[in-house]
Amino acid sequence: MENKNKDIIIFSHEKKKKFATEQIALHHSLSYIVSGRMTLQFSDKKLEFEAGDVLIVRKNELMKAVKYPAENGESFRCVNVYLTDEILQKYSAQKRIAKQEKYTGNAVLNLSKNKFISGYFASILPYFYQPEKLNATLTDLKSQEAIELLLDISHNFEQFLFDAPDPYKLDLEKFMNTNFQFNIPLSEFARLTGRSLSTYQRDFKKLFETSPEKWLKDKRLTEANYLITEKKQKPSEVYHNVGFENFSHFTTAFKQKFGHTTTHK
């Protein structure tokens, strides 16, 4: 039988600095940093969190997470509680929560000062070392408890958690120029801009007069060249920040476009 609770409460453990592979929050995520620290890079800002911090990130947010072990060598450890659509729909039906208007507040909220949220994670921590004890019934109860605690903080959390599930149709040019550095499938770019994949590709070609794949590659390389030549940043740091996952692929593409290597002066 499939363990449906295994992807709802996740215990993260990293011994070395790690770039998270996921660059889009598919669900609202409530997280507690047990040890180490983490940075979240969004299109317009960079946030830092350390041991003891609690944060919640709205779903559909594009971001790049980097996890760091503690300075004393202790591994990065984090507890993540994902409030999936299924969980929220079930709760909404049970509590008869009215349809919410689109949420327009901050997509990331720091809840570290809330003693009830901190107490909530204190009750989960024992399962970090014995995750097999966290069965489906307990996971369901913990998910319900998280929602109750969030709603108790502020009525704004009703909109945060239960607003319209699908993105509105967004300004494609503005969205792409703001979020090109996130390496996600075209289908996700389409969904986040409120389009089907075919409509997204058609609108994109009409607007930019090229395909999304070619535009993204050129945009990322142009940004990389600017950061390396003008901002004097290291190629080994730049490639991931602009949307490349593989350094070797990045250097090859860079030379093909500009006719010289990333270390050329």
C-alpha atoms as a PDB file:
ATOM      1  CA  MET A   1       0.000   0.000   0.000  1.00  0.00           C
ATOM      2  CA  GLU A   2       1.353   3.405  -0.943  1.00  0.00           C
ATOM      3  CA  ASN A   3       2.439   5.583   1.967  1.00  0.00           C
ATOM      4  CA  LYS A   4       0.555   8.763   1.147  1.00  0.00           C
ATOM      5  CA  ASN A   5       1.950  10.681   4.117  1.00  0.00           C
ATOM      6  CA  LYS A   6       5.610  10.282   3.123  1.00  0.00           C
ATOM      7  CA  ASP A   7       5.645  13.498   1.070  1.00  0.00           C
ATOM      8  CA  ILE A   8       3.681  15.647   3.546  1.00  0.00           C
ATOM      9  CA  ILE A   9       6.128  15.862   6.459  1.00  0.00           C
ATOM     10  CA  ILE A  10       9.718  15.750   5.207  1.00  0.00           C
ATOM     11  CA  PHE A  11      12.882  15.618   7.302  1.00  0.00           C
ATOM     12  CA  SER A  12      15.804  17.190   5.442  1.00  0.00           C
ATOM     13  CA  HIS A  13      19.397  16.337   6.375  1.00  0.00           C
ATOM     14  CA  GLU A  14      22.432  17.662   4.486  1.00  0.00           C
ATOM     15  CA  LYS A  15      26.090  17.268   5.525  1.00  0.00           C
ATOM     16  CA  LYS A  16      27.459  19.601   2.843  1.00  0.00           C
ATOM     17  CA  LYS A  17      26.385  22.829   1.168  1.00  0.00           C
ATOM     18  CA  LYS A  18      23.652  21.901  -1.288  1.00  0.00           C
ATOM     19  CA  PHE A  19      21.698  23.666  -3.996  1.00  0.00           C
ATOM     20  CA  ALA A  20      18.104  22.426  -3.834  1.00  0.00           C
ATOM     21  CA  THR A  21      16.965  20.922  -7.140  1.00  0.00           C
ATOM     22  CA  GLU A  22      13.382  22.098  -6.728  1.00  0.00           C
ATOM     23  CA  GLN A  23      12.906  25.689  -7.880  1.00  0.00           C
ATOM     24  CA  ILE A  24       9.167  25.980  -7.485  1.00  0.00           C
ATOM     25  CA  ALA A  25       7.032  25.531  -4.398  1.00  0.00           C
ATOM     26  CA  LEU A  26       4.303  23.111  -5.497  1.00  0.00           C
ATOM     27  CA  HIS A  27       2.524  23.364  -2.134  1.00  0.00           C
ATOM     28  CA  HIS A  28       2.373  25.790   0.768  1.00  0.00           C
ATOM     29  CA  SER A  29       5.372  24.757   2.869  1.00  0.00           C
ATOM     30  CA  LEU A  30       5.797  25.346   6.590  1.00  0.00           C
ATOM     31  CA  SER A  31       9.426  24.829   7.637  1.00  0.00           C
ATOM     32  CA  TYR A  32      11.519  24.775  10.801  1.00  0.00           C
ATOM     33  CA  ILE A  33      15.323  25.066  10.637  1.00  0.00           C
ATOM     34  CA  VAL A  34      16.730  22.666  13.231  1.00  0.00           C
ATOM     35  CA  SER A  35      20.420  23.330  12.572  1.00  0.00           C
ATOM     36  CA  GLY A  36      22.554  25.078   9.973  1.00  0.00           C
ATOM     37  CA  ARG A  37      21.173  27.845   7.798  1.00  0.00           C
ATOM     38  CA  MET A  38      19.385  28.336   4.491  1.00  0.00           C
ATOM     39  CA  THR A  39      19.106  31.079   1.887  1.00  0.00           C
ATOM     40  CA  LEU A  40      16.142  31.540  -0.426  1.00  0.00           C
ATOM     41  CA  GLN A  41      16.797  33.494  -3.624  1.00  0.00           C
ATOM     42  CA  PHE A  42      13.683  34.937  -5.265  1.00  0.00           C
ATOM     43  CA  SER A  43      13.564  37.053  -8.404  1.00  0.00           C
ATOM     44  CA  ASP A  44      13.589  40.283  -6.383  1.00  0.00           C
ATOM     45  CA  LYS A  45      15.149  39.446  -3.020  1.00  0.00           C
ATOM     46  CA  LYS A  46      17.294  37.073  -1.007  1.00  0.00           C
ATOM     47  CA  LEU A  47      16.242  35.871   2.440  1.00  0.00           C
ATOM     48  CA  GLU A  48      18.358  34.104   5.054  1.00  0.00           C
ATOM     49  CA  PHE A  49      17.163  31.775   7.796  1.00  0.00           C
ATOM     50  CA  GLU A  50      19.094  30.133  10.614  1.00  0.00           C
ATOM     51  CA  ALA A  51      18.589  27.490  13.286  1.00  0.00           C
ATOM     52  CA  GLY A  52      15.378  28.088  15.232  1.00  0.00           C
ATOM     53  CA  ASP A  53      13.622  30.013  12.454  1.00  0.00           C
ATOM     54  CA  VAL A  54      10.153  29.054  11.228  1.00  0.00           C
ATOM     55  CA  LEU A  55       8.884  30.171   7.837  1.00  0.00           C
ATOM     56  CA  ILE A  56       6.017  29.521   5.481  1.00  0.00           C
ATOM     57  CA  VAL A  57       6.267  29.848   1.695  1.00  0.00           C
ATOM     58  CA  ARG A  58       3.237  30.047  -0.583  1.00  0.00           C
ATOM     59  CA  LYS A  59       2.821  27.548  -3.363  1.00  0.00           C
ATOM     60  CA  ASN A  60       3.753  28.489  -6.940  1.00  0.00           C
ATOM     61  CA  GLU A  61       6.646  30.654  -5.741  1.00  0.00           C
ATOM     62  CA  LEU A  62       9.823  30.461  -7.805  1.00  0.00           C
ATOM     63  CA  MET A  63      12.939  30.355  -5.669  1.00  0.00           C
ATOM     64  CA  LYS A  64      16.393  28.839  -5.299  1.00  0.00           C
ATOM     65  CA  ALA A  65      17.275  27.353  -1.939  1.00  0.00           C
ATOM     66  CA  VAL A  66      20.818  26.792  -0.704  1.00  0.00           C
ATOM     67  CA  LYS A  67      21.314  24.762   2.472  1.00  0.00           C
ATOM     68  CA  TYR A  68      24.436  25.165   4.612  1.00  0.00           C
ATOM     69  CA  PRO A  69      25.711  23.068   7.526  1.00  0.00           C
ATOM     70  CA  ALA A  70      26.427  24.856  10.805  1.00  0.00           C
ATOM     71  CA  GLU A  71      29.829  26.470  11.356  1.00  0.00           C
ATOM     72  CA  ASN A  72      30.609  23.857  14.021  1.00  0.00           C
ATOM     73  CA  GLY A  73      30.228  21.126  11.404  1.00  0.00           C
ATOM     74  CA  GLU A  74      26.736  20.048  12.413  1.00  0.00           C
ATOM     75  CA  SER A  75      24.612  19.020   9.433  1.00  0.00           C
ATOM     76  CA  PHE A  76      21.841  21.170   8.045  1.00  0.00           C
ATOM     77  CA  ARG A  77      18.568  19.784   9.354  1.00  0.00           C
ATOM     78  CA  CYS A  78      15.067  20.993   8.612  1.00  0.00           C
ATOM     79  CA  VAL A  79      11.466  19.853   9.071  1.00  0.00           C
ATOM     80  CA  ASN A  80       9.062  20.672   6.228  1.00  0.00           C
ATOM     81  CA  VAL A  81       5.289  20.337   6.412  1.00  0.00           C
ATOM     82  CA  TYR A  82       3.600  20.524   3.007  1.00  0.00           C
ATOM     83  CA  LEU A  83      -0.026  21.653   3.005  1.00  0.00           C
ATOM     84  CA  THR A  84      -1.168  20.047  -0.234  1.00  0.00           C
ATOM     85  CA  ASP A  85      -4.283  20.960  -2.218  1.00  0.00           C
ATOM     86  CA  GLU A  86      -5.866  17.690  -1.085  1.00  0.00           C
ATOM     87  CA  ILE A  87      -5.306  18.513   2.582  1.00  0.00           C
ATOM     88  CA  LEU A  88      -6.571  22.076   2.204  1.00  0.00           C
ATOM     89  CA  GLN A  89      -9.621  21.061   0.179  1.00  0.00           C
ATOM     90  CA  LYS A  90     -10.564  18.474   2.799  1.00  0.00           C
ATOM     91  CA  TYR A  91     -10.168  21.003   5.610  1.00  0.00           C
ATOM     92  CA  SER A  92     -12.068  23.690   3.691  1.00  0.00           C
ATOM     93  CA  ALA A  93     -14.992  21.341   3.083  1.00  0.00           C
ATOM     94  CA  GLN A  94     -15.136  20.255   6.710  1.00  0.00           C
ATOM     95  CA  LYS A  95     -14.997  23.827   8.045  1.00  0.00           C
ATOM     96  CA  ARG A  96     -17.124  25.301   5.233  1.00  0.00           C
ATOM     97  CA  ILE A  97     -14.585  28.002   4.457  1.00  0.00           C
ATOM     98  CA  ALA A  98     -15.940  30.503   1.934  1.00  0.00           C
ATOM     99  CA  LYS A  99     -14.216  31.051  -1.410  1.00  0.00           C
ATOM    100  CA  GLN A 100     -11.359  33.501  -0.931  1.00  0.00           C
ATOM    101  CA  GLU A 101     -10.180  36.425  -3.037  1.00  0.00           C
ATOM    102  CA  LYS A 102      -6.693  36.254  -4.525  1.00  0.00           C
ATOM    103  CA  TYR A 103      -3.998  36.690  -1.885  1.00  0.00           C
ATOM    104  CA  THR A 104      -1.708  39.663  -2.568  1.00  0.00           C
ATOM    105  CA  GLY A 105       0.453  39.761   0.570  1.00  0.00           C
ATOM    106  CA  ASN A 106       3.995  38.531   1.174  1.00  0.00           C
ATOM    107  CA  ALA A 107       4.701  35.087  -0.226  1.00  0.00           C
ATOM    108  CA  VAL A 108       7.183  34.276   2.564  1.00  0.00           C
ATOM    109  CA  LEU A 109       6.364  34.879   6.209  1.00  0.00           C
ATOM    110  CA  ASN A 110       8.662  34.493   9.200  1.00  0.00           C
ATOM    111  CA  LEU A 111       6.757  32.865  12.086  1.00  0.00           C
ATOM    112  CA  SER A 112       9.722  32.345  14.405  1.00  0.00           C
ATOM    113  CA  LYS A 113       8.266  34.467  17.222  1.00  0.00           C
ATOM    114  CA  ASN A 114       5.022  32.500  17.469  1.00  0.00           C
ATOM    115  CA  LYS A 115       5.369  30.214  20.490  1.00  0.00           C
ATOM    116  CA  PHE A 116       2.538  27.933  19.400  1.00  0.00           C
ATOM    117  CA  ILE A 117       4.115  27.243  16.010  1.00  0.00           C
ATOM    118  CA  SER A 118       7.452  26.627  17.751  1.00  0.00           C
ATOM    119  CA  GLY A 119       5.701  24.229  20.136  1.00  0.00           C
ATOM    120  CA  TYR A 120       4.108  22.488  17.180  1.00  0.00           C
ATOM    121  CA  PHE A 121       7.507  21.713  15.671  1.00  0.00           C
ATOM    122  CA  ALA A 122       8.844  20.644  19.072  1.00  0.00           C
ATOM    123  CA  SER A 123       6.184  17.923  19.014  1.00  0.00           C
ATOM    124  CA  ILE A 124       7.344  16.756  15.558  1.00  0.00           C
ATOM    125  CA  LEU A 125      11.095  16.712  16.238  1.00  0.00           C
ATOM    126  CA  PRO A 126      11.164  13.266  17.939  1.00  0.00           C
ATOM    127  CA  TYR A 127      10.038  11.786  14.614  1.00  0.00           C
ATOM    128  CA  PHE A 128      13.152  13.226  12.945  1.00  0.00           C
ATOM    129  CA  TYR A 129      15.100  10.287  14.331  1.00  0.00           C
ATOM    130  CA  GLN A 130      12.290   7.725  14.077  1.00  0.00           C
ATOM    131  CA  PRO A 131      10.290   8.757  10.977  1.00  0.00           C
ATOM    132  CA  GLU A 132       8.714   5.286  10.749  1.00  0.00           C
ATOM    133  CA  LYS A 133       6.660   6.194  13.833  1.00  0.00           C
ATOM    134  CA  LEU A 134       4.936   8.990  11.909  1.00  0.00           C
ATOM    135  CA  ASN A 135       2.038   7.040  10.434  1.00  0.00           C
ATOM    136  CA  ALA A 136      -0.775   8.293   8.193  1.00  0.00           C
ATOM    137  CA  THR A 137      -3.122   9.050  11.094  1.00  0.00           C
ATOM    138  CA  LEU A 138      -0.542  11.166  12.919  1.00  0.00           C
ATOM    139  CA  THR A 139       0.432  12.950   9.709  1.00  0.00           C
ATOM    140  CA  ASP A 140      -3.200  13.862   9.067  1.00  0.00           C
ATOM    141  CA  LEU A 141      -3.585  15.173  12.611  1.00  0.00           C
ATOM    142  CA  LYS A 142      -0.386  17.206  12.358  1.00  0.00           C
ATOM    143  CA  SER A 143      -1.497  18.721   9.053  1.00  0.00           C
ATOM    144  CA  GLN A 144      -4.842  19.732  10.555  1.00  0.00           C
ATOM    145  CA  GLU A 145      -3.060  21.181  13.590  1.00  0.00           C
ATOM    146  CA  ALA A 146      -0.767  23.275  11.394  1.00  0.00           C
ATOM    147  CA  ILE A 147      -3.741  24.790   9.563  1.00  0.00           C
ATOM    148  CA  GLU A 148      -5.540  25.543  12.835  1.00  0.00           C
ATOM    149  CA  LEU A 149      -2.476  27.277  14.268  1.00  0.00           C
ATOM    150  CA  LEU A 150      -1.943  29.363  11.137  1.00  0.00           C
ATOM    151  CA  LEU A 151      -5.563  30.494  11.044  1.00  0.00           C
ATOM    152  CA  ASP A 152      -5.324  31.419  14.707  1.00  0.00           C
ATOM    153  CA  ILE A 153      -2.430  33.785  13.960  1.00  0.00           C
ATOM    154  CA  SER A 154      -4.417  35.974  11.583  1.00  0.00           C
ATOM    155  CA  HIS A 155      -7.529  35.944   9.405  1.00  0.00           C
ATOM    156  CA  ASN A 156      -5.189  36.793   6.505  1.00  0.00           C
ATOM    157  CA  PHE A 157      -4.127  33.159   6.500  1.00  0.00           C
ATOM    158  CA  GLU A 158      -7.536  32.211   5.097  1.00  0.00           C
ATOM    159  CA  GLN A 159      -6.598  34.028   1.907  1.00  0.00           C
ATOM    160  CA  PHE A 160      -2.986  32.804   2.090  1.00  0.00           C
ATOM    161  CA  LEU A 161      -4.083  29.164   2.255  1.00  0.00           C
ATOM    162  CA  PHE A 162      -7.424  29.015   0.472  1.00  0.00           C
ATOM    163  CA  ASP A 163      -7.468  31.574  -2.349  1.00  0.00           C
ATOM    164  CA  ALA A 164      -8.027  30.692  -6.015  1.00  0.00           C
ATOM    165  CA  PRO A 165      -5.899  27.595  -6.811  1.00  0.00           C
ATOM    166  CA  ASP A 166      -4.871  28.530 -10.355  1.00  0.00           C
ATOM    167  CA  PRO A 167      -2.717  31.504 -11.428  1.00  0.00           C
ATOM    168  CA  TYR A 168      -4.363  34.353 -13.256  1.00  0.00           C
ATOM    169  CA  LYS A 169      -3.181  35.080 -16.799  1.00  0.00           C
ATOM    170  CA  LEU A 170      -0.091  37.198 -16.278  1.00  0.00           C
ATOM    171  CA  ASP A 171       1.904  39.652 -18.374  1.00  0.00           C
ATOM    172  CA  LEU A 172       4.166  37.187 -20.192  1.00  0.00           C
ATOM    173  CA  GLU A 173       6.974  39.619 -21.028  1.00  0.00           C
ATOM    174  CA  LYS A 174       7.233  40.923 -17.457  1.00  0.00           C
ATOM    175  CA  PHE A 175       7.050  37.449 -15.943  1.00  0.00           C
ATOM    176  CA  MET A 176       9.757  35.961 -18.182  1.00  0.00           C
ATOM    177  CA  ASN A 177      12.148  38.886 -17.792  1.00  0.00           C
ATOM    178  CA  THR A 178      11.738  38.595 -14.026  1.00  0.00           C
ATOM    179  CA  ASN A 179      11.969  34.808 -13.708  1.00  0.00           C
ATOM    180  CA  PHE A 180      14.178  33.565 -16.572  1.00  0.00           C
ATOM    181  CA  GLN A 181      16.858  32.388 -14.118  1.00  0.00           C
ATOM    182  CA  PHE A 182      14.650  29.643 -12.694  1.00  0.00           C
ATOM    183  CA  ASN A 183      15.325  26.348 -14.454  1.00  0.00           C
ATOM    184  CA  ILE A 184      11.855  24.817 -14.564  1.00  0.00           C
ATOM    185  CA  PRO A 185       9.989  22.996 -17.385  1.00  0.00           C
ATOM    186  CA  LEU A 186       8.170  25.103 -19.974  1.00  0.00           C
ATOM    187  CA  SER A 187       4.958  23.495 -18.773  1.00  0.00           C
ATOM    188  CA  GLU A 188       5.508  25.156 -15.383  1.00  0.00           C
ATOM    189  CA  PHE A 189       6.225  28.551 -16.962  1.00  0.00           C
ATOM    190  CA  ALA A 190       2.968  28.093 -18.862  1.00  0.00           C
ATOM    191  CA  ARG A 191       0.981  27.143 -15.760  1.00  0.00           C
ATOM    192  CA  LEU A 192       2.399  29.979 -13.671  1.00  0.00           C
ATOM    193  CA  THR A 193       1.419  32.522 -16.324  1.00  0.00           C
ATOM    194  CA  GLY A 194      -2.107  31.105 -16.530  1.00  0.00           C
ATOM    195  CA  ARG A 195      -1.766  29.409 -19.907  1.00  0.00           C
ATOM    196  CA  SER A 196      -1.833  25.980 -21.452  1.00  0.00           C
ATOM    197  CA  LEU A 197       1.523  24.901 -22.875  1.00  0.00           C
ATOM    198  CA  SER A 198       0.372  25.407 -26.471  1.00  0.00           C
ATOM    199  CA  THR A 199      -1.016  28.877 -25.723  1.00  0.00           C
ATOM    200  CA  TYR A 200       2.161  29.783 -23.843  1.00  0.00           C
ATOM    201  CA  GLN A 201       4.370  28.761 -26.771  1.00  0.00           C
ATOM    202  CA  ARG A 202       2.164  30.619 -29.235  1.00  0.00           C
ATOM    203  CA  ASP A 203       2.033  33.798 -27.124  1.00  0.00           C
ATOM    204  CA  PHE A 204       5.777  33.589 -26.488  1.00  0.00           C
ATOM    205  CA  LYS A 205       6.746  33.344 -30.151  1.00  0.00           C
ATOM    206  CA  LYS A 206       4.424  36.209 -31.042  1.00  0.00           C
ATOM    207  CA  LEU A 207       5.917  38.390 -28.306  1.00  0.00           C
ATOM    208  CA  PHE A 208       9.632  37.504 -28.512  1.00  0.00           C
ATOM    209  CA  GLU A 209       9.809  36.282 -32.137  1.00  0.00           C
ATOM    210  CA  THR A 210      11.681  33.122 -31.127  1.00  0.00           C
ATOM    211  CA  SER A 211      11.084  29.931 -29.187  1.00  0.00           C
ATOM    212  CA  PRO A 212      11.107  29.866 -25.357  1.00  0.00           C
ATOM    213  CA  GLU A 213      14.089  27.483 -25.352  1.00  0.00           C
ATOM    214  CA  LYS A 214      16.271  29.751 -27.518  1.00  0.00           C
ATOM    215  CA  TRP A 215      15.216  32.906 -25.676  1.00  0.00           C
ATOM    216  CA  LEU A 216      15.922  31.409 -22.248  1.00  0.00           C
ATOM    217  CA  LYS A 217      19.367  30.176 -23.252  1.00  0.00           C
ATOM    218  CA  ASP A 218      20.344  33.537 -24.767  1.00  0.00           C
ATOM    219  CA  LYS A 219      18.903  35.522 -21.855  1.00  0.00           C
ATOM    220  CA  ARG A 220      20.756  33.425 -19.279  1.00  0.00           C
ATOM    221  CA  LEU A 221      24.062  33.649 -21.164  1.00  0.00           C
ATOM    222  CA  THR A 222      23.734  37.401 -21.616  1.00  0.00           C
ATOM    223  CA  GLU A 223      23.069  37.845 -17.909  1.00  0.00           C
ATOM    224  CA  ALA A 224      26.001  35.566 -17.060  1.00  0.00           C
ATOM    225  CA  ASN A 225      28.346  37.589 -19.283  1.00  0.00           C
ATOM    226  CA  TYR A 226      27.241  40.807 -17.567  1.00  0.00           C
ATOM    227  CA  LEU A 227      27.798  39.364 -14.085  1.00  0.00           C
ATOM    228  CA  ILE A 228      31.235  38.014 -15.004  1.00  0.00           C
ATOM    229  CA  THR A 229      32.580  40.998 -16.955  1.00  0.00           C
ATOM    230  CA  GLU A 230      30.888  43.912 -15.190  1.00  0.00           C
ATOM    231  CA  LYS A 231      30.250  42.617 -11.688  1.00  0.00           C
ATOM    232  CA  LYS A 232      33.443  40.513 -11.576  1.00  0.00           C
ATOM    233  CA  GLN A 233      31.625  37.468 -10.250  1.00  0.00           C
ATOM    234  CA  LYS A 234      33.121  33.991 -10.572  1.00  0.00           C
ATOM    235  CA  PRO A 235      31.777  31.745 -13.371  1.00  0.00           C
ATOM    236  CA  SER A 236      31.472  28.897 -10.843  1.00  0.00           C
ATOM    237  CA  GLU A 237      29.024  31.030  -8.858  1.00  0.00           C
ATOM    238  CA  VAL A 238      27.228  32.608 -11.797  1.00  0.00           C
ATOM    239  CA  TYR A 239      26.124  29.572 -13.788  1.00  0.00           C
ATOM    240  CA  HIS A 240      23.622  28.292 -11.230  1.00  0.00           C
ATOM    241  CA  ASN A 241      22.297  31.762 -10.426  1.00  0.00           C
ATOM    242  CA  VAL A 242      21.318  32.445 -14.045  1.00  0.00           C
ATOM    243  CA  GLY A 243      19.591  29.116 -14.614  1.00  0.00           C
ATOM    244  CA  PHE A 244      22.147  26.528 -15.698  1.00  0.00           C
ATOM    245  CA  GLU A 245      22.306  23.248 -13.806  1.00  0.00           C
ATOM    246  CA  ASN A 246      25.590  21.957 -15.238  1.00  0.00           C
ATOM    247  CA  PHE A 247      28.820  23.988 -15.222  1.00  0.00           C
ATOM    248  CA  SER A 248      30.318  22.135 -18.197  1.00  0.00           C
ATOM    249  CA  HIS A 249      27.203  22.775 -20.290  1.00  0.00           C
ATOM    250  CA  PHE A 250      27.299  26.427 -19.258  1.00  0.00           C
ATOM    251  CA  THR A 251      30.942  26.974 -20.277  1.00  0.00           C
ATOM    252  CA  THR A 252      30.401  25.252 -23.643  1.00  0.00           C
ATOM    253  CA  ALA A 253      27.302  27.351 -24.393  1.00  0.00           C
ATOM    254  CA  PHE A 254      29.099  30.512 -23.247  1.00  0.00           C
ATOM    255  CA  LYS A 255      32.006  29.955 -25.630  1.00  0.00           C
ATOM    256  CA  GLN A 256      29.641  29.179 -28.522  1.00  0.00           C
ATOM    257  CA  LYS A 257      27.792  32.470 -28.001  1.00  0.00           C
ATOM    258  CA  PHE A 258      30.640  34.855 -27.181  1.00  0.00           C
ATOM    259  CA  GLY A 259      33.575  33.174 -28.915  1.00  0.00           C
ATOM    260  CA  HIS A 260      35.718  32.953 -25.799  1.00  0.00           C
ATOM    261  CA  THR A 261      35.744  31.144 -22.462  1.00  0.00           C
ATOM    262  CA  THR A 262      34.288  32.467 -19.212  1.00  0.00           C
ATOM    263  CA  THR A 263      37.832  33.249 -17.972  1.00  0.00           C
ATOM    264  CA  HIS A 264      38.742  35.385 -21.026  1.00  0.00           C
ATOM    265  CA  LYS A 265      39.941  38.897 -20.174  1.00  0.00           C
END
